[in-house]
Amino acid sequence: MLYQANCDLPLEIRSRLSDAEQELYRAAYNSAIHWYGKASKAHQVALSAVKMQAAMYRHQTI
């Protein structure tokens, strides 16, 4: 299942992530679902992308 907009994301994701993080999650998820074909793996990939982006942002601001 591809997510067309942030409002289509699961409530857990919408409540935990900022709008920018939701955009990143959605893009990574949609890409990963094409690549792996499994929702659970796509979810892991998308969360990893959000975590990596957050870590990069923290590193830049130090």
N, C-alpha and C. Protein backbone atom coordinates (compact mmCIF):
# COMPACT_ATOMS: atom_id res chain seq x y z
N MET A 1 0.84 -1.18 0.00
CA MET A 1 0.00 0.00 0.00
C MET A 1 0.88 1.24 0.00
N LEU A 2 0.70 2.08 -0.96
CA LEU A 2 1.45 3.33 -1.03
C LEU A 2 0.68 4.43 -0.31
N TYR A 3 1.43 5.32 0.28
CA TYR A 3 0.81 6.46 0.96
C TYR A 3 0.89 7.67 0.03
N GLN A 4 -0.26 8.23 -0.32
CA GLN A 4 -0.32 9.36 -1.24
C GLN A 4 -0.09 10.69 -0.52
N ALA A 5 -0.49 10.77 0.74
CA ALA A 5 -0.36 12.00 1.51
C ALA A 5 -0.09 11.65 2.96
N ASN A 6 0.40 12.63 3.72
CA ASN A 6 0.69 12.38 5.13
C ASN A 6 -0.55 11.97 5.91
N CYS A 7 -1.70 12.45 5.52
CA CYS A 7 -2.93 12.10 6.24
C CYS A 7 -3.28 10.62 6.07
N ASP A 8 -2.66 9.96 5.10
CA ASP A 8 -2.88 8.52 4.88
C ASP A 8 -2.00 7.66 5.79
N LEU A 9 -1.00 8.26 6.41
CA LEU A 9 -0.10 7.49 7.27
C LEU A 9 -0.84 6.99 8.50
N PRO A 10 -0.35 5.90 9.11
CA PRO A 10 -0.97 5.41 10.34
C PRO A 10 -0.93 6.49 11.44
N LEU A 11 -1.91 6.46 12.30
CA LEU A 11 -2.02 7.45 13.37
C LEU A 11 -0.76 7.47 14.24
N GLU A 12 -0.19 6.32 14.51
CA GLU A 12 1.02 6.24 15.34
C GLU A 12 2.15 7.07 14.72
N ILE A 13 2.31 6.99 13.43
CA ILE A 13 3.37 7.73 12.73
C ILE A 13 3.03 9.22 12.72
N ARG A 14 1.80 9.56 12.43
CA ARG A 14 1.40 10.98 12.39
C ARG A 14 1.56 11.65 13.75
N SER A 15 1.30 10.92 14.82
CA SER A 15 1.38 11.52 16.15
C SER A 15 2.82 11.61 16.66
N ARG A 16 3.70 10.73 16.18
CA ARG A 16 5.08 10.71 16.67
C ARG A 16 6.02 11.61 15.89
N LEU A 17 5.74 11.86 14.62
CA LEU A 17 6.70 12.55 13.76
C LEU A 17 6.19 13.93 13.34
N SER A 18 7.14 14.84 13.14
CA SER A 18 6.79 16.18 12.64
C SER A 18 6.35 16.06 11.18
N ASP A 19 5.84 17.15 10.63
CA ASP A 19 5.40 17.14 9.23
C ASP A 19 6.54 16.80 8.29
N ALA A 20 7.71 17.38 8.51
CA ALA A 20 8.87 17.11 7.65
C ALA A 20 9.30 15.64 7.78
N GLU A 21 9.27 15.11 8.98
CA GLU A 21 9.63 13.71 9.19
C GLU A 21 8.59 12.78 8.55
N GLN A 22 7.33 13.18 8.58
CA GLN A 22 6.28 12.39 7.93
C GLN A 22 6.51 12.34 6.42
N GLU A 23 6.91 13.46 5.83
CA GLU A 23 7.20 13.49 4.40
C GLU A 23 8.33 12.52 4.07
N LEU A 24 9.39 12.55 4.88
CA LEU A 24 10.53 11.66 4.67
C LEU A 24 10.10 10.21 4.86
N TYR A 25 9.35 9.94 5.92
CA TYR A 25 8.87 8.58 6.18
C TYR A 25 8.06 8.07 5.00
N ARG A 26 7.15 8.89 4.51
CA ARG A 26 6.27 8.48 3.41
C ARG A 26 7.07 8.18 2.14
N ALA A 27 8.01 9.04 1.82
CA ALA A 27 8.84 8.83 0.63
C ALA A 27 9.68 7.56 0.76
N ALA A 28 10.28 7.37 1.93
CA ALA A 28 11.11 6.17 2.15
C ALA A 28 10.26 4.91 2.15
N TYR A 29 9.11 4.97 2.77
CA TYR A 29 8.21 3.82 2.81
C TYR A 29 7.77 3.43 1.40
N ASN A 30 7.32 4.41 0.64
CA ASN A 30 6.83 4.13 -0.71
C ASN A 30 7.93 3.53 -1.59
N SER A 31 9.14 4.02 -1.43
CA SER A 31 10.26 3.48 -2.18
C SER A 31 10.57 2.06 -1.73
N ALA A 32 10.61 1.85 -0.43
CA ALA A 32 10.97 0.53 0.11
C ALA A 32 9.91 -0.53 -0.18
N ILE A 33 8.65 -0.14 -0.23
CA ILE A 33 7.60 -1.13 -0.52
C ILE A 33 7.76 -1.65 -1.95
N HIS A 34 8.20 -0.78 -2.85
CA HIS A 34 8.48 -1.22 -4.22
C HIS A 34 9.69 -2.16 -4.25
N TRP A 35 10.69 -1.82 -3.47
CA TRP A 35 11.94 -2.58 -3.49
C TRP A 35 11.80 -3.94 -2.81
N TYR A 36 11.23 -3.94 -1.59
CA TYR A 36 11.17 -5.17 -0.79
C TYR A 36 9.85 -5.91 -0.90
N GLY A 37 8.75 -5.19 -1.14
CA GLY A 37 7.45 -5.82 -1.28
C GLY A 37 6.78 -6.22 0.01
N LYS A 38 7.39 -5.89 1.14
CA LYS A 38 6.81 -6.23 2.44
C LYS A 38 6.62 -4.96 3.26
N ALA A 39 5.43 -4.80 3.82
CA ALA A 39 5.12 -3.61 4.59
C ALA A 39 5.99 -3.50 5.84
N SER A 40 6.25 -4.62 6.50
CA SER A 40 7.05 -4.57 7.73
C SER A 40 8.47 -4.09 7.44
N LYS A 41 9.05 -4.57 6.36
CA LYS A 41 10.41 -4.15 5.98
C LYS A 41 10.40 -2.69 5.55
N ALA A 42 9.39 -2.28 4.80
CA ALA A 42 9.28 -0.89 4.36
C ALA A 42 9.16 0.05 5.56
N HIS A 43 8.42 -0.37 6.58
CA HIS A 43 8.28 0.43 7.80
C HIS A 43 9.64 0.58 8.49
N GLN A 44 10.40 -0.50 8.59
CA GLN A 44 11.73 -0.45 9.20
C GLN A 44 12.65 0.50 8.43
N VAL A 45 12.62 0.40 7.12
CA VAL A 45 13.46 1.25 6.28
C VAL A 45 13.08 2.72 6.47
N ALA A 46 11.79 2.99 6.48
CA ALA A 46 11.31 4.37 6.61
C ALA A 46 11.69 4.96 7.97
N LEU A 47 11.53 4.19 9.03
CA LEU A 47 11.92 4.69 10.35
C LEU A 47 13.42 4.91 10.43
N SER A 48 14.18 4.04 9.81
CA SER A 48 15.63 4.20 9.78
C SER A 48 16.01 5.49 9.05
N ALA A 49 15.34 5.79 7.96
CA ALA A 49 15.61 7.03 7.22
C ALA A 49 15.33 8.26 8.09
N VAL A 50 14.24 8.21 8.84
CA VAL A 50 13.90 9.33 9.73
C VAL A 50 14.97 9.47 10.81
N LYS A 51 15.39 8.36 11.39
CA LYS A 51 16.41 8.40 12.44
C LYS A 51 17.73 8.93 11.90
N MET A 52 18.12 8.49 10.71
CA MET A 52 19.37 8.97 10.11
C MET A 52 19.32 10.47 9.84
N GLN A 53 18.20 10.94 9.34
CA GLN A 53 18.04 12.37 9.07
C GLN A 53 18.13 13.16 10.36
N ALA A 54 17.51 12.68 11.41
CA ALA A 54 17.55 13.37 12.70
C ALA A 54 18.98 13.40 13.24
N ALA A 55 19.71 12.30 13.09
CA ALA A 55 21.10 12.25 13.56
C ALA A 55 21.97 13.22 12.76
N MET A 56 21.76 13.29 11.46
CA MET A 56 22.53 14.22 10.62
C MET A 56 22.23 15.66 11.01
N TYR A 57 20.98 15.95 11.29
CA TYR A 57 20.59 17.29 11.69
C TYR A 57 21.25 17.66 13.02
N ARG A 58 21.21 16.74 13.99
CA ARG A 58 21.84 17.00 15.28
C ARG A 58 23.34 17.23 15.11
N HIS A 59 23.97 16.47 14.24
CA HIS A 59 25.41 16.60 14.02
C HIS A 59 25.75 17.97 13.41
N GLN A 60 24.91 18.46 12.53
CA GLN A 60 25.16 19.75 11.87
C GLN A 60 24.99 20.92 12.81
N THR A 61 24.12 20.78 13.81
CA THR A 61 23.84 21.91 14.69
C THR A 61 24.81 21.98 15.87
N ILE A 62 25.68 21.02 16.02
CA ILE A 62 26.62 21.02 17.16
C ILE A 62 27.80 21.90 16.84
